[in-house]
């Protein structure tokens, strides 16, 4: 059973930083993509960034690249979203998605809440 687990969310003051983590397990396919999304109350789900399982950064959502960085730690087989210079508009539930193209299936985590307030 594929499991996707996010962590690292919390309360941060405007201008602060957070580093979210995503760990995926329970699968055998070698090639996949990890995508971070966010969803704020009353707004549509928004893609933040995409990275391949080989660690290649694929893309960022509009206006995300200047403050957000997606990465992979090969030693830990984990993925991260570093968020800097945070703004109140960044407040959202951040979700990690594993997309496996060979089985055409998405796997979602439960999300980790980020609140920017101060």
N, C-alpha and C. Protein backbone atom coordinates (compact mmCIF):
# COMPACT_ATOMS: atom_id res chain seq x y z
N UNK A 1 0.85 -1.19 0.00
CA UNK A 1 0.00 0.00 0.00
C UNK A 1 0.89 1.24 0.00
N UNK A 2 0.65 2.10 -0.97
CA UNK A 2 1.45 3.32 -1.08
C UNK A 2 1.03 4.30 0.01
N UNK A 3 2.01 4.83 0.67
CA UNK A 3 1.76 5.86 1.68
C UNK A 3 2.59 7.09 1.37
N UNK A 4 1.96 8.24 1.49
CA UNK A 4 2.63 9.52 1.30
C UNK A 4 2.38 10.33 2.58
N UNK A 5 3.46 10.77 3.19
CA UNK A 5 3.34 11.45 4.49
C UNK A 5 4.09 12.76 4.46
N UNK A 6 3.38 13.83 4.76
CA UNK A 6 4.00 15.16 4.85
C UNK A 6 4.26 15.51 6.31
N UNK A 7 5.22 16.39 6.50
CA UNK A 7 5.50 16.91 7.83
C UNK A 7 6.19 18.25 7.71
N UNK A 8 6.27 18.96 8.82
CA UNK A 8 7.04 20.19 8.84
C UNK A 8 6.22 21.47 8.84
N UNK A 9 4.90 21.35 8.75
CA UNK A 9 4.08 22.55 8.76
C UNK A 9 4.01 23.17 10.14
N UNK A 10 3.38 24.32 10.22
CA UNK A 10 3.24 24.99 11.50
C UNK A 10 2.92 26.45 11.33
N UNK A 11 3.09 27.16 12.42
CA UNK A 11 2.84 28.60 12.43
C UNK A 11 4.17 29.33 12.24
N UNK A 12 4.20 30.26 11.32
CA UNK A 12 5.41 31.03 11.06
C UNK A 12 5.04 32.48 10.86
N UNK A 13 5.91 33.37 11.28
CA UNK A 13 5.66 34.80 11.12
C UNK A 13 5.96 35.24 9.68
N UNK A 14 5.32 36.28 9.22
CA UNK A 14 5.66 36.81 7.89
C UNK A 14 7.15 37.08 7.78
N UNK A 15 7.71 36.68 6.65
CA UNK A 15 9.15 36.81 6.45
C UNK A 15 9.95 35.62 6.90
N UNK A 16 9.31 34.70 7.61
CA UNK A 16 10.00 33.52 8.11
C UNK A 16 10.10 32.41 7.09
N UNK A 17 10.64 31.28 7.54
CA UNK A 17 10.88 30.13 6.65
C UNK A 17 10.36 28.85 7.28
N UNK A 18 9.99 27.93 6.42
CA UNK A 18 9.63 26.58 6.83
C UNK A 18 10.17 25.61 5.79
N UNK A 19 10.48 24.40 6.26
CA UNK A 19 10.93 23.35 5.35
C UNK A 19 10.00 22.15 5.52
N UNK A 20 9.19 21.90 4.51
CA UNK A 20 8.27 20.77 4.55
C UNK A 20 8.95 19.51 4.01
N UNK A 21 8.55 18.38 4.56
CA UNK A 21 9.10 17.09 4.12
C UNK A 21 8.00 16.20 3.59
N UNK A 22 8.37 15.34 2.66
CA UNK A 22 7.44 14.37 2.10
C UNK A 22 8.18 13.04 1.97
N UNK A 23 7.60 12.00 2.55
CA UNK A 23 8.18 10.66 2.45
C UNK A 23 7.14 9.72 1.86
N UNK A 24 7.56 8.93 0.89
CA UNK A 24 6.65 7.99 0.24
C UNK A 24 7.18 6.57 0.37
N UNK A 25 6.29 5.61 0.57
CA UNK A 25 6.72 4.23 0.74
C UNK A 25 5.63 3.27 0.25
N UNK A 26 5.99 1.99 0.19
CA UNK A 26 5.01 0.96 -0.15
C UNK A 26 4.79 0.74 -1.63
N UNK A 27 5.77 1.17 -2.46
CA UNK A 27 5.62 0.96 -3.89
C UNK A 27 6.88 0.37 -4.48
N UNK A 28 6.76 -0.15 -5.70
CA UNK A 28 7.90 -0.79 -6.34
C UNK A 28 8.33 -0.09 -7.63
N UNK A 29 7.53 0.81 -8.15
CA UNK A 29 7.94 1.47 -9.39
C UNK A 29 9.10 2.41 -9.12
N UNK A 30 9.98 2.52 -10.12
CA UNK A 30 11.21 3.29 -9.94
C UNK A 30 11.09 4.74 -10.38
N UNK A 31 10.24 5.00 -11.33
CA UNK A 31 10.14 6.35 -11.87
C UNK A 31 8.80 6.96 -11.50
N UNK A 32 8.85 8.13 -10.91
CA UNK A 32 7.63 8.82 -10.51
C UNK A 32 7.95 10.29 -10.32
N UNK A 33 6.94 11.05 -10.03
CA UNK A 33 7.11 12.48 -9.77
C UNK A 33 6.52 12.80 -8.40
N UNK A 34 7.15 13.70 -7.73
CA UNK A 34 6.62 14.24 -6.48
C UNK A 34 6.21 15.69 -6.75
N UNK A 35 4.98 15.99 -6.40
CA UNK A 35 4.46 17.33 -6.61
C UNK A 35 3.90 17.87 -5.30
N UNK A 36 4.24 19.10 -5.02
CA UNK A 36 3.64 19.80 -3.88
C UNK A 36 2.51 20.67 -4.41
N UNK A 37 1.38 20.58 -3.72
CA UNK A 37 0.25 21.43 -3.98
C UNK A 37 -0.09 22.16 -2.68
N UNK A 38 -0.89 23.20 -2.82
CA UNK A 38 -1.44 23.84 -1.64
C UNK A 38 -2.89 24.22 -1.89
N UNK A 39 -3.64 24.22 -0.81
CA UNK A 39 -5.04 24.58 -0.91
C UNK A 39 -5.42 25.43 0.27
N UNK A 40 -5.82 26.64 -0.04
CA UNK A 40 -6.28 27.58 0.98
C UNK A 40 -7.80 27.54 1.03
N UNK A 41 -8.38 27.87 2.17
CA UNK A 41 -9.84 27.85 2.28
C UNK A 41 -10.49 28.73 1.23
N UNK A 42 -11.47 28.17 0.54
CA UNK A 42 -12.20 28.94 -0.45
C UNK A 42 -11.48 29.14 -1.77
N UNK A 43 -10.30 28.54 -1.92
CA UNK A 43 -9.53 28.70 -3.16
C UNK A 43 -9.29 27.33 -3.81
N UNK A 44 -8.97 27.37 -5.09
CA UNK A 44 -8.66 26.13 -5.81
C UNK A 44 -7.29 25.60 -5.40
N UNK A 45 -7.16 24.30 -5.55
CA UNK A 45 -5.85 23.69 -5.29
C UNK A 45 -4.83 24.23 -6.29
N UNK A 46 -3.65 24.54 -5.79
CA UNK A 46 -2.65 25.22 -6.60
C UNK A 46 -1.35 24.41 -6.58
N UNK A 47 -0.78 24.17 -7.75
CA UNK A 47 0.48 23.44 -7.79
C UNK A 47 1.62 24.36 -7.36
N UNK A 48 2.51 23.83 -6.53
CA UNK A 48 3.63 24.61 -6.04
C UNK A 48 4.91 24.25 -6.81
N UNK A 49 5.20 22.95 -6.91
CA UNK A 49 6.44 22.54 -7.58
C UNK A 49 6.42 21.05 -7.86
N UNK A 50 7.26 20.62 -8.81
CA UNK A 50 7.37 19.22 -9.21
C UNK A 50 8.83 18.82 -9.30
N UNK A 51 9.13 17.61 -8.82
CA UNK A 51 10.48 17.06 -8.94
C UNK A 51 10.36 15.59 -9.33
N UNK A 52 11.31 15.12 -10.13
CA UNK A 52 11.27 13.71 -10.51
C UNK A 52 11.91 12.85 -9.43
N UNK A 53 11.69 11.56 -9.52
CA UNK A 53 12.27 10.63 -8.56
C UNK A 53 13.80 10.59 -8.67
N UNK A 54 14.33 11.04 -9.79
CA UNK A 54 15.79 11.12 -9.94
C UNK A 54 16.35 12.45 -9.44
N UNK A 55 15.47 13.31 -8.93
CA UNK A 55 15.93 14.56 -8.34
C UNK A 55 15.99 15.74 -9.28
N UNK A 56 15.40 15.61 -10.43
CA UNK A 56 15.39 16.72 -11.39
C UNK A 56 14.17 17.59 -11.13
N UNK A 57 14.41 18.88 -10.92
CA UNK A 57 13.31 19.81 -10.71
C UNK A 57 12.61 20.06 -12.04
N UNK A 58 11.32 19.81 -12.06
CA UNK A 58 10.57 19.89 -13.31
C UNK A 58 9.96 21.26 -13.52
N UNK A 59 9.28 21.76 -12.53
CA UNK A 59 8.64 23.07 -12.69
C UNK A 59 8.21 23.62 -11.34
N UNK A 60 7.85 24.88 -11.36
CA UNK A 60 7.26 25.58 -10.23
C UNK A 60 5.96 26.23 -10.68
N UNK A 61 5.05 26.38 -9.74
CA UNK A 61 3.85 27.12 -10.03
C UNK A 61 4.17 28.60 -10.25
N UNK A 62 3.20 29.29 -10.81
CA UNK A 62 3.41 30.71 -11.09
C UNK A 62 3.78 31.45 -9.82
N UNK A 63 4.82 32.23 -9.89
CA UNK A 63 5.33 33.09 -8.82
C UNK A 63 5.87 32.32 -7.62
N UNK A 64 6.11 31.02 -7.76
CA UNK A 64 6.62 30.21 -6.65
C UNK A 64 8.15 30.15 -6.64
N UNK A 65 8.75 30.22 -7.79
CA UNK A 65 10.17 29.92 -7.91
C UNK A 65 11.05 30.88 -7.13
N UNK A 66 10.60 32.11 -6.94
CA UNK A 66 11.48 33.07 -6.29
C UNK A 66 11.61 32.84 -4.79
N UNK A 67 10.65 32.15 -4.18
CA UNK A 67 10.71 31.95 -2.73
C UNK A 67 10.70 30.49 -2.30
N UNK A 68 10.30 29.59 -3.19
CA UNK A 68 10.18 28.16 -2.84
C UNK A 68 11.22 27.35 -3.58
N UNK A 69 11.73 26.31 -2.91
CA UNK A 69 12.70 25.41 -3.53
C UNK A 69 12.32 23.97 -3.22
N UNK A 70 12.15 23.18 -4.26
CA UNK A 70 11.86 21.76 -4.08
C UNK A 70 13.15 20.98 -4.26
N UNK A 71 13.32 19.94 -3.47
CA UNK A 71 14.57 19.18 -3.54
C UNK A 71 14.35 17.75 -3.07
N UNK A 72 15.39 16.94 -3.29
CA UNK A 72 15.36 15.55 -2.85
C UNK A 72 16.65 15.24 -2.10
N UNK A 73 16.51 14.52 -1.01
CA UNK A 73 17.66 14.00 -0.29
C UNK A 73 17.78 12.52 -0.64
N UNK A 74 18.75 12.19 -1.49
CA UNK A 74 18.87 10.80 -1.96
C UNK A 74 19.19 9.83 -0.82
N UNK A 75 19.95 10.30 0.13
CA UNK A 75 20.33 9.41 1.23
C UNK A 75 19.11 9.00 2.06
N UNK A 76 18.19 9.94 2.21
CA UNK A 76 17.00 9.67 3.02
C UNK A 76 15.80 9.28 2.16
N UNK A 77 15.97 9.40 0.84
CA UNK A 77 14.86 9.14 -0.08
C UNK A 77 13.63 9.95 0.31
N UNK A 78 13.86 11.19 0.63
CA UNK A 78 12.79 12.10 1.03
C UNK A 78 12.83 13.35 0.17
N UNK A 79 11.71 14.04 0.16
CA UNK A 79 11.57 15.24 -0.65
C UNK A 79 11.21 16.40 0.25
N UNK A 80 11.62 17.60 -0.19
CA UNK A 80 11.46 18.76 0.66
C UNK A 80 10.94 19.95 -0.14
N UNK A 81 10.27 20.83 0.60
CA UNK A 81 9.87 22.11 0.04
C UNK A 81 10.33 23.19 1.00
N UNK A 82 11.36 23.90 0.62
CA UNK A 82 11.87 25.01 1.43
C UNK A 82 11.11 26.26 1.03
N UNK A 83 10.51 26.90 2.03
CA UNK A 83 9.72 28.10 1.77
C UNK A 83 10.32 29.26 2.54
N UNK A 84 10.71 30.29 1.85
CA UNK A 84 11.34 31.46 2.45
C UNK A 84 10.48 32.71 2.26
N UNK A 85 10.80 33.73 3.05
CA UNK A 85 10.10 35.02 2.94
C UNK A 85 8.59 34.84 2.87
N UNK A 86 8.10 34.11 3.83
CA UNK A 86 6.70 33.71 3.76
C UNK A 86 5.76 34.88 3.98
N UNK A 87 4.60 34.77 3.30
CA UNK A 87 3.58 35.81 3.35
C UNK A 87 2.28 35.21 3.87
N UNK A 88 1.40 36.04 4.40
CA UNK A 88 0.11 35.51 4.84
C UNK A 88 -0.64 34.74 3.75
N UNK A 89 -0.46 35.13 2.49
CA UNK A 89 -1.12 34.42 1.39
C UNK A 89 -0.59 33.00 1.20
N UNK A 90 0.50 32.67 1.84
CA UNK A 90 1.02 31.30 1.76
C UNK A 90 0.29 30.35 2.71
N UNK A 91 -0.57 30.91 3.54
CA UNK A 91 -1.33 30.08 4.47
C UNK A 91 -2.21 29.11 3.69
N UNK A 92 -2.02 27.82 3.95
CA UNK A 92 -2.76 26.79 3.21
C UNK A 92 -2.42 25.42 3.77
N UNK A 93 -3.19 24.44 3.34
CA UNK A 93 -2.83 23.04 3.57
C UNK A 93 -1.92 22.62 2.43
N UNK A 94 -0.72 22.19 2.76
CA UNK A 94 0.25 21.79 1.74
C UNK A 94 0.22 20.27 1.61
N UNK A 95 0.01 19.84 0.38
CA UNK A 95 -0.19 18.42 0.09
C UNK A 95 0.92 17.89 -0.80
N UNK A 96 1.39 16.72 -0.48
CA UNK A 96 2.39 16.04 -1.31
C UNK A 96 1.67 14.99 -2.16
N UNK A 97 2.01 14.98 -3.42
CA UNK A 97 1.40 14.05 -4.37
C UNK A 97 2.48 13.24 -5.06
N UNK A 98 2.28 11.94 -5.14
CA UNK A 98 3.16 11.08 -5.91
C UNK A 98 2.40 10.67 -7.16
N UNK A 99 2.95 11.00 -8.31
CA UNK A 99 2.33 10.59 -9.57
C UNK A 99 3.20 9.55 -10.24
N UNK A 100 2.61 8.39 -10.48
CA UNK A 100 3.32 7.29 -11.13
C UNK A 100 2.82 7.16 -12.56
N UNK A 101 3.57 7.62 -13.55
CA UNK A 101 3.07 7.63 -14.92
C UNK A 101 2.85 6.24 -15.51
N UNK A 102 3.59 5.26 -15.07
CA UNK A 102 3.44 3.93 -15.66
C UNK A 102 2.16 3.23 -15.20
N UNK A 103 1.62 3.66 -14.11
CA UNK A 103 0.34 3.11 -13.66
C UNK A 103 -0.76 4.16 -13.71
N UNK A 104 -0.37 5.36 -14.16
CA UNK A 104 -1.34 6.46 -14.31
C UNK A 104 -2.15 6.65 -13.05
N UNK A 105 -1.46 6.80 -11.95
CA UNK A 105 -2.17 6.92 -10.68
C UNK A 105 -1.51 7.97 -9.80
N UNK A 106 -2.37 8.68 -9.08
CA UNK A 106 -1.93 9.65 -8.10
C UNK A 106 -2.11 9.11 -6.70
N UNK A 107 -1.15 9.41 -5.86
CA UNK A 107 -1.25 9.07 -4.44
C UNK A 107 -1.05 10.35 -3.64
N UNK A 108 -1.94 10.57 -2.68
CA UNK A 108 -1.92 11.82 -1.92
C UNK A 108 -1.65 11.57 -0.45
N UNK A 109 -0.95 12.51 0.15
CA UNK A 109 -0.83 12.53 1.59
C UNK A 109 -2.00 13.28 2.21
N UNK A 110 -2.00 13.34 3.53
CA UNK A 110 -3.08 14.03 4.25
C UNK A 110 -2.86 15.54 4.29
N UNK A 111 -1.63 15.95 4.06
CA UNK A 111 -1.33 17.37 4.07
C UNK A 111 -0.75 17.83 5.39
N UNK A 112 -0.07 18.95 5.33
CA UNK A 112 0.46 19.59 6.53
C UNK A 112 0.10 21.07 6.47
N UNK A 113 -0.44 21.58 7.56
CA UNK A 113 -0.97 22.95 7.58
C UNK A 113 0.17 23.95 7.80
N UNK A 114 0.16 24.98 6.98
CA UNK A 114 1.08 26.10 7.13
C UNK A 114 0.26 27.36 7.36
N UNK A 115 0.56 28.04 8.44
CA UNK A 115 -0.13 29.28 8.76
C UNK A 115 0.90 30.38 8.93
N UNK A 116 0.75 31.42 8.13
CA UNK A 116 1.67 32.56 8.20
C UNK A 116 0.92 33.72 8.83
N UNK A 117 1.31 34.05 10.02
CA UNK A 117 0.60 35.08 10.77
C UNK A 117 1.53 35.65 11.82
N UNK A 118 1.32 36.87 12.12
CA UNK A 118 2.17 37.44 13.18
C UNK A 118 1.71 38.78 13.60
